[in-house]
Amino acid sequence: MRKLFRVLFVSTLLSATLVFFLSADDQIPIETGSPLSSDLVLSGDTRVSREFRLTVPPDAVELTISVTESPVPLQVLVRTGGGSILSVHDSGQSAGSHRLHRLGTPALPTGPLLIEVSHQPDSSSVRTSPTRIPFVIDTRIARLELASVVRPGQSVSGTLEPGRGMVSVHAIDVPATAEVLRFDVAGAAGTIDLFAFYEDLRGDLRTADHRAVSPLGQESLVIGGSSGRVLIPGRWYVVVTDQTARRFVDSFELFVRFDADPPAELRAIPDIPSGRTGLQGVLDATAQVITSQGSGSAVFIGENGYLLTNDHVVSGPGIGGTGLPVIAMTLDRGVPPRELFRAIIVDRDPLRDLALLRVESGLYGQPLPDDIRFPSVPLTSARNLVYGETLTFTGYPRFGGRGSRATVTVSRGIVAGFEVVPEGMVLKTDATIGPGNSGGAAVNAAYELIGLPAEVMGLGSSGIGYIVSTDMIPPRWLLLAGAAGE
């Protein structure tokens, strides 16, 4: 019996190997950057396919696969050389293009890839279907290319472009006398991450020697000194990238120093608009709160830097060595908010989904100017609201921007209902309250704060937005903030 089993096992293994080599013979080699015309020949309602193979080089950061000029949508299946499925894509989506990135899910691997283009005819329309389906397959690879060699103390401008995998590579030669190497990126509209390589630059960014990854658009990476990262003399590469945005060009400024402190240009705290009224005053007072888990919105009350937000917005840990949430504000309405401050959590009320914050320092821990005054929104009770009354909402949605970060946004809705819960009164609205808008301002027609839109209230999903009313705010919080209210 054992002998028979061994014979059957060897026979099966040989058959599988034979099938592999036969299918390998049928694979069509393709070169990146050279479109190839091909076709599928149909036979009744049988699924038909054609397989192509290419090799991803070590310096590749992104692969784009396009299947076009087909009269019907085709399925594109991407597998590793070992046969593991990486992704499945419909050529009728996204203009026929499919992207695999080193930092994507799944991640683009180095080595051989198999691309299968297939079609499953609909049995009900076999007679009217064409017997031959032509198509063009085109593959493009974005490789890491050195944009500049930077001198210490120098800043350089760079761009992130979709056709180049949204990466920009810069290098600096570190002498044996240097104790600290610091990279800072500012001025980008998107969420920026940094990946540092010593001597050997690799397309697989996941293998970087050091990295700085967070939801911030103003990113920093320190190597050596007290950072806990070892600095070795020689050439260091830094890869600047936006892991989220893939469709729009972004620009940035890169600062490189042999110093643990950020450059003076980034430590300066700009003038903050305050004292304006109406909708503009509400927009001035609407901030973005960023933690390691993501971002939400908040609203300043009083002039001393106190903010109200939802508790779930600050449920994640802070960013960087301070562990404090980052506060970003709009200085130019046409661009995403600029990260300016760090805030401490003064108090939290998870049951009411409320949190009170206070700006403690600049983004890099620098002290605040003595004469700084923050914008604020006056508060009023929500008890006087009536059904159908118009409400205005301000906040920073996570989606809706051209890139990976959005500008401050205004939306409107009505008072759709009231609901008394054990913690107080919750307002209902027909306005859409999406991710990122939580903790922003909900104001009445007089632009007075009547509550905070809450994405998560534990009340289920009914297509109705929920607002934590100002009547639920602990009175001592308002005393601390010096906020005026009814």
Protein backbone atom coordinates (compact mmCIF):
# COMPACT_ATOMS: atom_id res chain seq x y z
CA MET A 1 0.00 0.00 0.00
CA ARG A 2 2.84 2.38 0.91
CA LYS A 3 4.59 1.58 -2.39
CA LEU A 4 1.39 2.34 -4.32
CA PHE A 5 1.00 5.66 -2.47
CA ARG A 6 4.59 6.65 -3.32
CA VAL A 7 4.04 5.84 -6.98
CA LEU A 8 0.84 7.90 -7.05
CA PHE A 9 2.53 10.81 -5.23
CA VAL A 10 5.52 10.89 -7.62
CA SER A 11 3.18 10.61 -10.59
CA THR A 12 1.09 13.54 -9.34
CA LEU A 13 4.21 15.63 -8.69
CA LEU A 14 5.56 14.95 -12.18
CA SER A 15 2.19 15.84 -13.69
CA ALA A 16 2.08 19.13 -11.76
CA THR A 17 5.62 19.97 -12.84
CA LEU A 18 4.76 19.15 -16.46
CA VAL A 19 1.69 21.43 -16.30
CA PHE A 20 3.84 24.21 -14.82
CA PHE A 21 6.40 24.04 -17.61
CA LEU A 22 3.71 23.80 -20.26
CA SER A 23 1.94 26.88 -18.87
CA ALA A 24 5.29 28.67 -18.60
CA ASP A 25 5.80 28.07 -22.31
CA ASP A 26 2.46 29.75 -22.97
CA GLN A 27 3.41 32.87 -20.99
CA ILE A 28 4.20 35.85 -23.19
CA PRO A 29 7.16 37.97 -22.05
CA ILE A 30 6.47 41.71 -22.01
CA GLU A 31 8.78 44.67 -21.53
CA THR A 32 7.72 47.63 -19.43
CA GLY A 33 7.10 50.73 -21.46
CA SER A 34 6.34 48.78 -24.65
CA PRO A 35 2.58 48.30 -25.29
CA LEU A 36 1.71 44.86 -26.67
CA SER A 37 -1.34 44.00 -28.79
CA SER A 38 -2.98 40.65 -28.09
CA ASP A 39 -6.39 38.98 -28.13
CA LEU A 40 -8.63 36.35 -26.59
CA VAL A 41 -10.33 33.81 -28.85
CA LEU A 42 -13.71 32.74 -27.50
CA SER A 43 -15.17 29.26 -27.69
CA GLY A 44 -18.78 29.17 -26.52
CA ASP A 45 -19.23 30.11 -22.87
CA THR A 46 -15.80 28.81 -21.80
CA ARG A 47 -13.57 31.16 -19.84
CA VAL A 48 -10.53 32.17 -21.91
CA SER A 49 -7.29 33.76 -20.77
CA ARG A 50 -3.83 34.79 -21.84
CA GLU A 51 -0.84 35.07 -19.51
CA PHE A 52 2.08 37.48 -19.60
CA ARG A 53 5.24 37.62 -17.53
CA LEU A 54 7.63 40.38 -16.50
CA THR A 55 10.34 40.94 -13.92
CA VAL A 56 10.16 43.72 -11.33
CA PRO A 57 13.67 45.17 -10.75
CA PRO A 58 14.96 45.97 -7.23
CA ASP A 59 14.81 49.75 -7.80
CA ALA A 60 11.15 49.72 -8.88
CA VAL A 61 8.74 51.51 -6.56
CA GLU A 62 5.47 51.19 -8.51
CA LEU A 63 4.07 49.10 -11.35
CA THR A 64 1.15 50.30 -13.49
CA ILE A 65 -0.74 47.76 -15.59
CA SER A 66 -3.11 49.03 -18.28
CA VAL A 67 -5.41 46.84 -20.37
CA THR A 68 -7.18 48.96 -22.99
CA GLU A 69 -8.86 48.96 -26.42
CA SER A 70 -11.03 45.99 -25.54
CA PRO A 71 -14.72 46.00 -26.58
CA VAL A 72 -15.65 44.36 -23.26
CA PRO A 73 -14.25 44.61 -19.69
CA LEU A 74 -11.53 42.06 -18.99
CA GLN A 75 -10.34 40.63 -15.71
CA VAL A 76 -6.69 41.15 -14.79
CA LEU A 77 -5.17 38.72 -12.30
CA VAL A 78 -1.65 39.40 -10.97
CA ARG A 79 0.37 36.61 -9.37
CA THR A 80 3.88 36.23 -8.06
CA GLY A 81 6.31 33.91 -9.84
CA GLY A 82 5.45 31.32 -7.21
CA GLY A 83 1.75 31.50 -8.08
CA SER A 84 0.42 33.50 -5.10
CA ILE A 85 -2.37 35.89 -6.08
CA LEU A 86 -1.48 39.55 -5.53
CA SER A 87 -4.54 41.31 -6.90
CA VAL A 88 -7.57 41.09 -9.17
CA HIS A 89 -8.67 44.04 -11.27
CA ASP A 90 -11.43 44.82 -13.76
CA SER A 91 -10.07 46.61 -16.83
CA GLY A 92 -13.32 48.58 -17.07
CA GLN A 93 -12.45 50.45 -13.86
CA SER A 94 -10.12 53.45 -13.38
CA ALA A 95 -9.60 53.89 -17.12
CA GLY A 96 -8.20 50.38 -17.31
CA SER A 97 -5.16 51.11 -15.10
CA HIS A 98 -4.12 49.09 -12.07
CA ARG A 99 -1.26 50.12 -9.75
CA LEU A 100 0.88 48.04 -7.42
CA HIS A 101 3.10 50.03 -5.04
CA ARG A 102 5.85 48.97 -2.65
CA LEU A 103 3.83 50.43 0.23
CA GLY A 104 0.45 49.26 -1.05
CA THR A 105 -1.75 46.40 0.02
CA PRO A 106 -0.72 44.08 -1.46
CA ALA A 107 2.85 45.33 -1.77
CA LEU A 108 4.70 45.16 -5.07
CA PRO A 109 7.41 42.45 -4.81
CA THR A 110 10.78 42.21 -6.54
CA GLY A 111 11.17 39.46 -9.13
CA PRO A 112 8.92 37.67 -11.65
CA LEU A 113 5.24 38.54 -11.95
CA LEU A 114 2.54 36.77 -13.94
CA ILE A 115 -0.33 38.82 -15.39
CA GLU A 116 -3.37 36.90 -16.58
CA VAL A 117 -5.92 38.66 -18.78
CA SER A 118 -9.20 36.73 -19.02
CA HIS A 119 -12.87 36.90 -19.99
CA GLN A 120 -15.84 34.83 -18.90
CA PRO A 121 -18.62 35.08 -21.53
CA ASP A 122 -22.19 35.45 -20.37
CA SER A 123 -24.00 32.24 -21.39
CA SER A 124 -27.13 34.23 -22.20
CA SER A 125 -25.34 36.35 -24.81
CA VAL A 126 -22.88 33.88 -26.32
CA ARG A 127 -24.48 34.08 -29.77
CA THR A 128 -24.15 37.86 -29.93
CA SER A 129 -20.66 38.02 -28.38
CA PRO A 130 -17.61 38.55 -30.64
CA THR A 131 -15.49 35.46 -31.26
CA ARG A 132 -12.29 37.46 -30.84
CA ILE A 133 -11.57 40.10 -28.19
CA PRO A 134 -8.56 42.31 -29.00
CA PHE A 135 -6.79 44.31 -26.31
CA VAL A 136 -3.57 46.18 -25.62
CA ILE A 137 -1.56 45.52 -22.46
CA ASP A 138 0.92 48.15 -21.29
CA THR A 139 3.09 48.07 -18.16
CA ARG A 140 5.03 50.98 -16.71
CA ILE A 141 7.53 50.91 -13.85
CA ALA A 142 8.41 53.91 -11.70
CA ARG A 143 11.99 53.60 -10.47
CA LEU A 144 13.85 55.38 -7.70
CA GLU A 145 15.86 58.22 -9.22
CA LEU A 146 18.19 60.51 -7.33
CA ALA A 147 16.83 64.06 -7.55
CA SER A 148 19.62 65.88 -5.69
CA VAL A 149 22.61 65.63 -3.37
CA VAL A 150 21.94 68.04 -0.53
CA ARG A 151 24.50 69.96 1.53
CA PRO A 152 23.99 70.32 5.28
CA GLY A 153 22.03 73.43 6.21
CA GLN A 154 20.61 73.60 2.71
CA SER A 155 16.97 73.27 1.67
CA VAL A 156 15.82 71.92 -1.68
CA SER A 157 12.47 71.93 -3.43
CA GLY A 158 11.00 68.68 -4.70
CA THR A 159 7.89 67.29 -6.33
CA LEU A 160 5.87 64.12 -6.01
CA GLU A 161 4.39 62.97 -9.31
CA PRO A 162 1.98 60.09 -10.04
CA GLY A 163 4.05 58.92 -13.01
CA ARG A 164 7.07 58.56 -10.72
CA GLY A 165 5.33 56.62 -7.96
CA MET A 166 4.85 59.72 -5.76
CA VAL A 167 8.45 59.46 -4.52
CA SER A 168 11.40 61.85 -4.53
CA VAL A 169 14.93 60.73 -3.59
CA HIS A 170 17.65 62.93 -2.11
CA ALA A 171 21.09 62.11 -0.72
CA ILE A 172 23.58 63.64 1.72
CA ASP A 173 27.15 62.63 2.52
CA VAL A 174 27.66 62.43 6.28
CA PRO A 175 31.22 62.96 7.62
CA ALA A 176 32.63 61.13 10.63
CA THR A 177 32.41 64.35 12.67
CA ALA A 178 28.61 64.55 12.39
CA GLU A 179 26.66 63.36 15.43
CA VAL A 180 23.14 64.06 14.24
CA LEU A 181 21.37 64.00 10.88
CA ARG A 182 17.97 65.64 10.65
CA PHE A 183 15.45 65.72 7.79
CA ASP A 184 12.41 68.02 7.80
CA VAL A 185 9.74 68.32 5.12
CA ALA A 186 7.28 71.22 4.94
CA GLY A 187 5.03 72.92 2.43
CA ALA A 188 3.34 69.79 1.08
CA ALA A 189 -0.40 69.59 0.54
CA GLY A 190 -0.54 65.87 1.30
CA THR A 191 0.45 63.47 4.05
CA ILE A 192 4.22 62.98 3.84
CA ASP A 193 6.39 60.08 5.05
CA LEU A 194 10.17 59.74 5.12
CA PHE A 195 12.28 56.60 4.54
CA ALA A 196 16.05 56.72 5.10
CA PHE A 197 18.58 54.27 3.63
CA TYR A 198 22.28 53.98 4.45
CA GLU A 199 24.45 53.50 1.34
CA ASP A 200 22.09 50.99 -0.36
CA LEU A 201 18.98 52.58 -1.88
CA ARG A 202 16.21 50.01 -2.42
CA GLY A 203 12.85 50.21 -4.11
CA ASP A 204 11.23 48.20 -1.32
CA LEU A 205 10.68 51.09 1.10
CA ARG A 206 9.59 48.66 3.80
CA THR A 207 13.26 47.67 4.22
CA ALA A 208 14.39 51.23 5.05
CA ASP A 209 16.94 51.60 7.85
CA HIS A 210 14.87 54.35 9.48
CA ARG A 211 11.49 55.90 8.81
CA ALA A 212 9.05 58.60 9.95
CA VAL A 213 5.46 57.59 9.15
CA SER A 214 2.47 59.52 10.49
CA PRO A 215 -0.65 61.37 9.29
CA LEU A 216 1.32 64.65 9.27
CA GLY A 217 2.08 66.71 6.21
CA GLN A 218 5.04 68.34 7.98
CA GLU A 219 7.29 65.38 8.76
CA SER A 220 10.64 65.07 10.57
CA LEU A 221 13.23 62.31 10.93
CA VAL A 222 16.24 62.51 13.28
CA ILE A 223 19.11 59.98 13.16
CA GLY A 224 21.83 59.96 15.81
CA GLY A 225 22.04 62.00 19.01
CA SER A 226 19.35 61.05 21.52
CA SER A 227 16.98 59.71 18.83
CA GLY A 228 17.85 56.08 19.50
CA ARG A 229 18.81 55.66 15.82
CA VAL A 230 22.46 55.02 14.96
CA LEU A 231 24.15 57.47 12.58
CA ILE A 232 27.00 56.00 10.49
CA PRO A 233 29.32 58.14 8.32
CA GLY A 234 28.73 57.76 4.60
CA ARG A 235 26.02 58.46 2.08
CA TRP A 236 22.44 58.53 3.33
CA TYR A 237 19.38 58.58 1.09
CA VAL A 238 15.99 59.94 2.11
CA VAL A 239 12.87 59.03 0.16
CA VAL A 240 10.01 61.54 0.44
CA THR A 241 6.64 60.03 -0.42
CA ASP A 242 2.89 60.34 -0.04
CA GLN A 243 1.49 56.86 0.55
CA THR A 244 -2.13 57.90 0.03
CA ALA A 245 -2.32 60.28 -2.93
CA ARG A 246 -1.69 58.74 -6.33
CA ARG A 247 -3.34 61.14 -8.80
CA PHE A 248 -2.08 64.69 -8.22
CA VAL A 249 1.30 66.39 -8.27
CA ASP A 250 2.48 67.77 -4.91
CA SER A 251 5.48 69.91 -4.01
CA PHE A 252 7.52 70.19 -0.82
CA GLU A 253 10.60 71.75 0.75
CA LEU A 254 13.26 69.45 2.25
CA PHE A 255 15.58 70.73 4.99
CA VAL A 256 18.72 68.74 5.92
CA ARG A 257 20.86 69.57 8.98
CA PHE A 258 23.60 68.12 11.18
CA ASP A 259 21.65 69.44 14.15
CA ALA A 260 18.95 67.97 16.37
CA ASP A 261 16.87 71.16 16.27
CA PRO A 262 14.55 72.04 13.37
CA PRO A 263 15.51 75.00 11.17
CA ALA A 264 14.48 78.47 12.29
CA GLU A 265 12.11 78.83 9.32
CA LEU A 266 9.96 76.01 10.67
CA ARG A 267 10.10 77.05 14.33
CA ALA A 268 8.61 80.49 13.62
CA ILE A 269 4.91 80.68 14.59
CA PRO A 270 2.96 82.81 12.09
CA ASP A 271 0.26 85.31 12.98
CA ILE A 272 -3.04 83.58 13.70
CA PRO A 273 -6.19 85.32 12.39
CA SER A 274 -8.54 86.25 15.22
CA GLY A 275 -11.28 88.74 16.02
CA ARG A 276 -13.30 88.12 12.85
CA THR A 277 -17.01 87.39 13.17
CA GLY A 278 -19.70 85.52 11.25
CA LEU A 279 -18.87 82.46 9.18
CA GLN A 280 -15.28 83.63 8.67
CA GLY A 281 -14.80 83.76 12.43
CA VAL A 282 -16.09 80.18 12.74
CA LEU A 283 -13.72 79.03 9.99
CA ASP A 284 -10.80 80.75 11.73
CA ALA A 285 -11.64 78.92 14.95
CA THR A 286 -12.02 75.49 13.33
CA ALA A 287 -8.86 73.42 13.74
CA GLN A 288 -7.69 69.97 12.76
CA VAL A 289 -6.56 67.52 15.46
CA ILE A 290 -4.04 64.88 14.40
CA THR A 291 -2.99 61.80 16.37
CA SER A 292 -1.14 58.68 15.31
CA GLN A 293 -4.52 57.10 14.56
CA GLY A 294 -5.67 59.78 12.12
CA SER A 295 -7.33 63.15 12.21
CA GLY A 296 -10.52 64.91 13.24
CA SER A 297 -11.71 68.44 13.85
CA ALA A 298 -11.95 70.79 16.83
CA VAL A 299 -13.16 74.28 17.61
CA PHE A 300 -11.46 77.00 19.68
CA ILE A 301 -13.47 78.52 22.54
CA GLY A 302 -12.12 81.57 24.36
CA GLU A 303 -8.87 83.28 23.39
CA ASN A 304 -6.45 81.24 25.51
CA GLY A 305 -5.99 78.25 23.26
CA TYR A 306 -8.71 75.90 24.59
CA LEU A 307 -10.43 73.62 22.10
CA LEU A 308 -13.46 71.37 22.18
CA THR A 309 -13.54 68.13 20.21
CA ASN A 310 -15.07 64.67 20.38
CA ASP A 311 -13.44 62.23 22.74
CA HIS A 312 -13.06 59.61 20.02
CA VAL A 313 -10.97 62.06 17.98
CA VAL A 314 -8.20 61.97 20.62
CA SER A 315 -8.57 58.32 21.59
CA GLY A 316 -5.31 57.42 19.81
CA PRO A 317 -1.79 58.26 21.05
CA GLY A 318 -0.13 61.50 20.04
CA ILE A 319 2.60 61.88 17.44
CA GLY A 320 6.34 62.08 17.99
CA GLY A 321 8.41 62.10 21.15
CA THR A 322 6.01 64.39 23.04
CA GLY A 323 3.08 62.05 22.53
CA LEU A 324 0.81 65.10 22.22
CA PRO A 325 -1.87 65.64 19.57
CA VAL A 326 -0.97 68.06 16.78
CA ILE A 327 -3.17 71.07 16.03
CA ALA A 328 -3.33 72.37 12.45
CA MET A 329 -5.01 75.58 11.34
CA THR A 330 -5.97 77.13 8.01
CA LEU A 331 -3.79 80.09 7.02
CA ASP A 332 -4.75 79.96 3.34
CA ARG A 333 -8.25 78.75 2.48
CA GLY A 334 -7.02 77.13 -0.74
CA VAL A 335 -4.55 74.72 0.88
CA PRO A 336 -4.83 72.11 3.65
CA PRO A 337 -4.24 73.30 7.22
CA ARG A 338 -0.70 73.83 8.48
CA GLU A 339 0.49 71.90 11.52
CA LEU A 340 1.42 74.58 14.06
CA PHE A 341 0.89 73.46 17.65
CA ARG A 342 0.93 70.68 20.21
CA ALA A 343 -1.97 70.41 22.64
CA ILE A 344 -2.50 68.67 25.96
CA ILE A 345 -5.73 66.89 26.83
CA VAL A 346 -7.11 68.83 29.79
CA ASP A 347 -10.11 66.59 30.41
CA ARG A 348 -12.17 63.88 28.72
CA ASP A 349 -15.76 62.70 29.01
CA PRO A 350 -16.09 59.46 27.01
CA LEU A 351 -19.80 59.06 27.87
CA ARG A 352 -20.63 62.39 26.26
CA ASP A 353 -17.95 61.89 23.59
CA LEU A 354 -16.32 65.21 24.53
CA ALA A 355 -12.75 66.30 25.19
CA LEU A 356 -11.18 69.61 26.22
CA LEU A 357 -7.73 70.44 24.84
CA ARG A 358 -5.34 73.34 25.33
CA VAL A 359 -2.55 74.46 23.01
CA GLU A 360 0.67 73.95 24.96
CA SER A 361 3.51 74.74 22.54
CA GLY A 362 4.54 75.03 18.93
CA LEU A 363 4.77 71.93 16.75
CA TYR A 364 8.41 71.36 17.71
CA GLY A 365 7.93 72.12 21.40
CA GLN A 366 8.93 75.78 21.05
CA PRO A 367 7.25 78.23 23.46
CA LEU A 368 4.23 80.22 22.35
CA PRO A 369 4.53 83.99 21.78
CA ASP A 370 3.45 85.95 24.87
CA ASP A 371 0.93 88.00 22.90
CA ILE A 372 -0.70 85.15 20.97
CA ARG A 373 -4.50 85.22 20.88
CA PHE A 374 -6.58 82.47 19.37
CA PRO A 375 -9.84 82.83 17.42
CA SER A 376 -12.96 81.59 19.16
CA VAL A 377 -16.65 80.89 18.57
CA PRO A 378 -19.29 82.16 21.04
CA LEU A 379 -21.45 79.45 22.59
CA THR A 380 -25.19 79.31 23.11
CA SER A 381 -27.70 76.77 24.37
CA ALA A 382 -29.28 74.35 21.92
CA ARG A 383 -32.57 74.36 23.83
CA ASN A 384 -34.01 77.15 21.71
CA LEU A 385 -33.52 75.34 18.40
CA VAL A 386 -36.62 74.26 16.46
CA TYR A 387 -37.30 71.62 13.81
CA GLY A 388 -36.13 72.64 10.36
CA GLU A 389 -33.77 75.36 11.57
CA THR A 390 -30.69 75.72 9.39
CA LEU A 391 -27.35 74.66 10.84
CA THR A 392 -23.87 75.26 9.43
CA PHE A 393 -20.98 72.85 9.93
CA THR A 394 -17.24 73.42 9.57
CA GLY A 395 -14.50 70.80 9.72
CA TYR A 396 -11.78 68.86 7.95
CA PRO A 397 -13.15 65.79 6.16
CA ARG A 398 -10.65 63.01 5.53
CA PHE A 399 -11.97 62.65 2.01
CA GLY A 400 -12.86 65.24 -0.59
CA GLY A 401 -9.45 66.77 -1.21
CA ARG A 402 -7.50 66.46 -4.45
CA GLY A 403 -4.69 64.79 -2.52
CA SER A 404 -4.39 62.96 0.79
CA ARG A 405 -5.49 65.95 2.91
CA ALA A 406 -8.52 68.21 2.55
CA THR A 407 -9.05 71.94 3.09
CA VAL A 408 -11.48 73.30 5.66
CA THR A 409 -15.02 72.65 4.45
CA VAL A 410 -18.44 74.18 5.07
CA SER A 411 -21.70 72.22 4.82
CA ARG A 412 -25.29 72.85 5.82
CA GLY A 413 -28.26 70.89 7.10
CA ILE A 414 -31.31 71.31 9.27
CA VAL A 415 -32.32 70.34 12.77
CA ALA A 416 -33.94 67.01 11.99
CA GLY A 417 -34.73 65.94 15.54
CA PHE A 418 -33.88 65.80 19.20
CA GLU A 419 -33.03 62.85 21.39
CA VAL A 420 -32.61 62.80 25.15
CA VAL A 421 -29.97 60.34 26.33
CA PRO A 422 -28.75 59.75 29.89
CA GLU A 423 -25.86 62.17 29.34
CA GLY A 424 -27.97 65.01 27.93
CA MET A 425 -29.61 66.10 24.68
CA VAL A 426 -28.35 64.98 21.28
CA LEU A 427 -29.38 66.82 18.12
CA LYS A 428 -30.16 65.13 14.82
CA THR A 429 -29.41 66.58 11.40
CA ASP A 430 -29.78 65.54 7.80
CA ALA A 431 -26.28 66.91 7.08
CA THR A 432 -23.64 64.33 6.25
CA ILE A 433 -21.13 63.97 9.06
CA GLY A 434 -18.28 61.95 7.67
CA PRO A 435 -14.87 60.85 8.97
CA GLY A 436 -12.74 63.84 9.91
CA ASN A 437 -15.66 66.21 10.48
CA SER A 438 -16.10 64.90 14.03
CA GLY A 439 -15.38 67.55 16.64
CA GLY A 440 -15.85 70.49 14.29
CA ALA A 441 -18.30 73.35 14.77
CA ALA A 442 -22.08 73.17 14.44
CA VAL A 443 -23.46 76.73 14.55
CA ASN A 444 -26.86 78.37 14.26
CA ALA A 445 -27.90 81.23 11.98
CA ALA A 446 -26.14 83.72 14.27
CA TYR A 447 -22.93 81.66 13.97
CA GLU A 448 -23.02 80.68 17.62
CA LEU A 449 -21.80 77.23 18.63
CA ILE A 450 -24.69 74.89 19.45
CA GLY A 451 -22.76 71.62 19.40
CA LEU A 452 -20.13 69.37 17.89
CA PRO A 453 -20.92 66.97 15.04
CA ALA A 454 -20.06 63.45 16.19
CA GLU A 455 -19.29 60.74 13.66
CA VAL A 456 -19.59 58.05 16.35
CA MET A 457 -22.21 58.26 19.09
CA GLY A 458 -23.08 54.61 19.57
CA LEU A 459 -26.59 55.24 18.28
CA GLY A 460 -26.36 53.07 15.19
CA SER A 461 -26.34 54.02 11.52
CA SER A 462 -29.54 55.54 10.20
CA GLY A 463 -28.36 58.11 7.66
CA ILE A 464 -28.89 60.81 10.29
CA GLY A 465 -26.00 62.84 11.69
CA TYR A 466 -25.70 63.32 15.43
CA ILE A 467 -24.55 66.44 17.26
CA VAL A 468 -23.36 66.62 20.86
CA SER A 469 -25.13 69.77 22.05
CA THR A 470 -23.37 72.54 23.98
CA ASP A 471 -25.71 71.79 26.89
CA MET A 472 -23.72 68.57 27.43
CA ILE A 473 -20.42 70.42 27.98
CA PRO A 474 -19.33 70.36 31.65
CA PRO A 475 -19.70 73.95 33.00
CA ARG A 476 -16.24 73.87 34.60
CA TRP A 477 -14.71 73.36 31.15
CA LEU A 478 -16.26 76.62 30.01
CA LEU A 479 -14.93 78.36 33.13
CA LEU A 480 -11.42 77.04 32.44
CA ALA A 481 -11.57 78.22 28.85
CA GLY A 482 -13.07 81.59 29.68
CA ALA A 483 -15.72 80.89 27.08
CA ALA A 484 -18.83 83.05 26.89
CA GLY A 485 -22.10 81.14 26.76
CA GLU A 486 -25.78 81.62 27.32
